Amino acid sequence: MVHQWYTRGVATSHPRIQVTEDAELARALRAAAPHLKPGLPRSQQVRELAIVGARHLAEEPMSEERRHELTERLASYFEHPETAPWDWDSMRESKRLAWPFR
């Protein structure tokens, strides 16, 4: 039961939950940080992780047929590079910058 006085001074009337930031959650937050809006408060980071995680868990697993279809499409881009939805020159340059020869 949520008491009336509990929500009077906060920005929402929704119940709140308390989450302990243990080592596992801290690692998850660090891993997610580059994918979240910069400057997002810790509580909103946890909220975003919970929502995205729930969506991921609820997704249907990819069928073998779909997996095969995607693999074939990827292979076709290597057979016909001009049809690829990416810039091959940019990818080569990125690779060169990331792993320079010494």
C-alpha atoms as a PDB file:
ATOM      1  CA  MET A   1       0.000   0.000   0.000  1.00  0.00           C
ATOM      2  CA  VAL A   2       1.372   3.435  -0.956  1.00  0.00           C
ATOM      3  CA  HIS A   3       0.545   6.137   1.568  1.00  0.00           C
ATOM      4  CA  GLN A   4      -0.782   9.456   0.268  1.00  0.00           C
ATOM      5  CA  TRP A   5       2.067  11.405   1.895  1.00  0.00           C
ATOM      6  CA  TYR A   6       4.650   9.292   0.041  1.00  0.00           C
ATOM      7  CA  THR A   7       3.933  10.796  -3.380  1.00  0.00           C
ATOM      8  CA  ARG A   8       3.129  14.384  -2.395  1.00  0.00           C
ATOM      9  CA  GLY A   9       6.720  15.655  -2.723  1.00  0.00           C
ATOM     10  CA  VAL A  10       7.861  13.656  -5.761  1.00  0.00           C
ATOM     11  CA  ALA A  11       7.337  14.218  -9.468  1.00  0.00           C
ATOM     12  CA  THR A  12       5.225  11.106  -9.993  1.00  0.00           C
ATOM     13  CA  SER A  13       2.445   9.204  -8.317  1.00  0.00           C
ATOM     14  CA  HIS A  14       3.798   5.871  -9.572  1.00  0.00           C
ATOM     15  CA  PRO A  15       5.290   3.516  -6.996  1.00  0.00           C
ATOM     16  CA  ARG A  16       9.076   3.574  -6.784  1.00  0.00           C
ATOM     17  CA  ILE A  17      11.460   0.651  -6.550  1.00  0.00           C
ATOM     18  CA  GLN A  18      14.861   0.470  -4.962  1.00  0.00           C
ATOM     19  CA  VAL A  19      17.703  -1.235  -6.829  1.00  0.00           C
ATOM     20  CA  THR A  20      21.119  -2.014  -5.372  1.00  0.00           C
ATOM     21  CA  GLU A  21      23.970  -1.199  -7.712  1.00  0.00           C
ATOM     22  CA  ASP A  22      25.998  -4.364  -7.263  1.00  0.00           C
ATOM     23  CA  ALA A  23      28.992  -5.304  -9.435  1.00  0.00           C
ATOM     24  CA  GLU A  24      26.827  -6.962 -12.090  1.00  0.00           C
ATOM     25  CA  LEU A  25      24.515  -3.957 -12.452  1.00  0.00           C
ATOM     26  CA  ALA A  26      27.492  -1.589 -12.494  1.00  0.00           C
ATOM     27  CA  ARG A  27      29.002  -3.596 -15.395  1.00  0.00           C
ATOM     28  CA  ALA A  28      25.665  -3.493 -17.243  1.00  0.00           C
ATOM     29  CA  LEU A  29      25.421   0.269 -16.781  1.00  0.00           C
ATOM     30  CA  ARG A  30      28.992   0.781 -18.037  1.00  0.00           C
ATOM     31  CA  ALA A  31      28.315  -1.428 -21.066  1.00  0.00           C
ATOM     32  CA  ALA A  32      25.077   0.417 -21.851  1.00  0.00           C
ATOM     33  CA  ALA A  33      26.441   3.940 -21.332  1.00  0.00           C
ATOM     34  CA  PRO A  34      27.597   4.461 -24.951  1.00  0.00           C
ATOM     35  CA  HIS A  35      24.107   3.504 -26.149  1.00  0.00           C
ATOM     36  CA  LEU A  36      22.176   5.812 -23.815  1.00  0.00           C
ATOM     37  CA  LYS A  37      21.595   9.565 -23.964  1.00  0.00           C
ATOM     38  CA  PRO A  38      24.604  11.391 -22.452  1.00  0.00           C
ATOM     39  CA  GLY A  39      24.023  12.827 -18.988  1.00  0.00           C
ATOM     40  CA  LEU A  40      21.064  10.565 -18.238  1.00  0.00           C
ATOM     41  CA  PRO A  41      20.584  10.230 -14.450  1.00  0.00           C
ATOM     42  CA  ARG A  42      21.440   6.802 -13.004  1.00  0.00           C
ATOM     43  CA  SER A  43      17.778   6.018 -12.226  1.00  0.00           C
ATOM     44  CA  GLN A  44      16.776   6.692 -15.842  1.00  0.00           C
ATOM     45  CA  GLN A  45      19.685   4.561 -17.081  1.00  0.00           C
ATOM     46  CA  VAL A  46      18.353   1.660 -15.005  1.00  0.00           C
ATOM     47  CA  ARG A  47      14.834   2.331 -16.321  1.00  0.00           C
ATOM     48  CA  GLU A  48      16.050   2.266 -19.956  1.00  0.00           C
ATOM     49  CA  LEU A  49      17.958  -0.980 -19.343  1.00  0.00           C
ATOM     50  CA  ALA A  50      14.892  -2.590 -17.779  1.00  0.00           C
ATOM     51  CA  ILE A  51      12.620  -1.606 -20.677  1.00  0.00           C
ATOM     52  CA  VAL A  52      15.058  -2.621 -23.425  1.00  0.00           C
ATOM     53  CA  GLY A  53      15.911  -5.843 -21.577  1.00  0.00           C
ATOM     54  CA  ALA A  54      12.236  -6.750 -21.251  1.00  0.00           C
ATOM     55  CA  ARG A  55      11.672  -6.153 -24.961  1.00  0.00           C
ATOM     56  CA  HIS A  56      14.665  -8.327 -25.780  1.00  0.00           C
ATOM     57  CA  LEU A  57      13.455 -11.150 -23.525  1.00  0.00           C
ATOM     58  CA  ALA A  58       9.961 -10.995 -25.020  1.00  0.00           C
ATOM     59  CA  GLU A  59      11.165 -11.188 -28.629  1.00  0.00           C
ATOM     60  CA  GLU A  60      10.580 -14.345 -30.561  1.00  0.00           C
ATOM     61  CA  PRO A  61      13.795 -16.221 -31.281  1.00  0.00           C
ATOM     62  CA  MET A  62      14.937 -15.953 -34.886  1.00  0.00           C
ATOM     63  CA  SER A  63      13.889 -18.925 -36.975  1.00  0.00           C
ATOM     64  CA  GLU A  64      16.449 -20.994 -38.826  1.00  0.00           C
ATOM     65  CA  GLU A  65      14.797 -19.899 -42.075  1.00  0.00           C
ATOM     66  CA  ARG A  66      15.189 -16.196 -41.188  1.00  0.00           C
ATOM     67  CA  ARG A  67      18.791 -16.751 -40.082  1.00  0.00           C
ATOM     68  CA  HIS A  68      19.532 -18.454 -43.421  1.00  0.00           C
ATOM     69  CA  GLU A  69      17.843 -15.627 -45.349  1.00  0.00           C
ATOM     70  CA  LEU A  70      19.960 -12.986 -43.587  1.00  0.00           C
ATOM     71  CA  THR A  71      23.160 -14.972 -44.129  1.00  0.00           C
ATOM     72  CA  GLU A  72      22.377 -15.295 -47.843  1.00  0.00           C
ATOM     73  CA  ARG A  73      21.690 -11.565 -48.107  1.00  0.00           C
ATOM     74  CA  LEU A  74      24.998 -10.760 -46.381  1.00  0.00           C
ATOM     75  CA  ALA A  75      26.860 -13.150 -48.701  1.00  0.00           C
ATOM     76  CA  SER A  76      25.265 -11.478 -51.738  1.00  0.00           C
ATOM     77  CA  TYR A  77      26.785  -8.134 -50.702  1.00  0.00           C
ATOM     78  CA  PHE A  78      30.234  -9.694 -50.956  1.00  0.00           C
ATOM     79  CA  GLU A  79      29.416 -11.233 -54.329  1.00  0.00           C
ATOM     80  CA  HIS A  80      27.978  -7.914 -55.615  1.00  0.00           C
ATOM     81  CA  PRO A  81      29.693  -5.175 -53.543  1.00  0.00           C
ATOM     82  CA  GLU A  82      27.921  -2.365 -55.413  1.00  0.00           C
ATOM     83  CA  THR A  83      24.605  -3.485 -53.845  1.00  0.00           C
ATOM     84  CA  ALA A  84      25.866  -3.327 -50.262  1.00  0.00           C
ATOM     85  CA  PRO A  85      24.136  -0.781 -47.994  1.00  0.00           C
ATOM     86  CA  TRP A  86      27.499   0.451 -46.672  1.00  0.00           C
ATOM     87  CA  ASP A  87      30.524   2.294 -47.985  1.00  0.00           C
ATOM     88  CA  TRP A  88      33.359  -0.184 -48.546  1.00  0.00           C
ATOM     89  CA  ASP A  89      36.012   2.567 -48.733  1.00  0.00           C
ATOM     90  CA  SER A  90      34.933   3.957 -45.351  1.00  0.00           C
ATOM     91  CA  MET A  91      35.072   0.460 -43.868  1.00  0.00           C
ATOM     92  CA  ARG A  92      38.613  -0.064 -45.232  1.00  0.00           C
ATOM     93  CA  GLU A  93      39.715   3.312 -43.868  1.00  0.00           C
ATOM     94  CA  SER A  94      38.188   2.540 -40.453  1.00  0.00           C
ATOM     95  CA  LYS A  95      39.994  -0.775 -40.383  1.00  0.00           C
ATOM     96  CA  ARG A  96      43.273   0.894 -41.366  1.00  0.00           C
ATOM     97  CA  LEU A  97      42.902   3.467 -38.584  1.00  0.00           C
ATOM     98  CA  ALA A  98      41.823   0.925 -35.969  1.00  0.00           C
ATOM     99  CA  TRP A  99      44.524  -1.665 -36.763  1.00  0.00           C
ATOM    100  CA  PRO A 100      47.505   0.099 -38.293  1.00  0.00           C
ATOM    101  CA  PHE A 101      50.404  -2.031 -39.483  1.00  0.00           C
ATOM    102  CA  ARG A 102      53.560  -1.511 -37.477  1.00  0.00           C
END
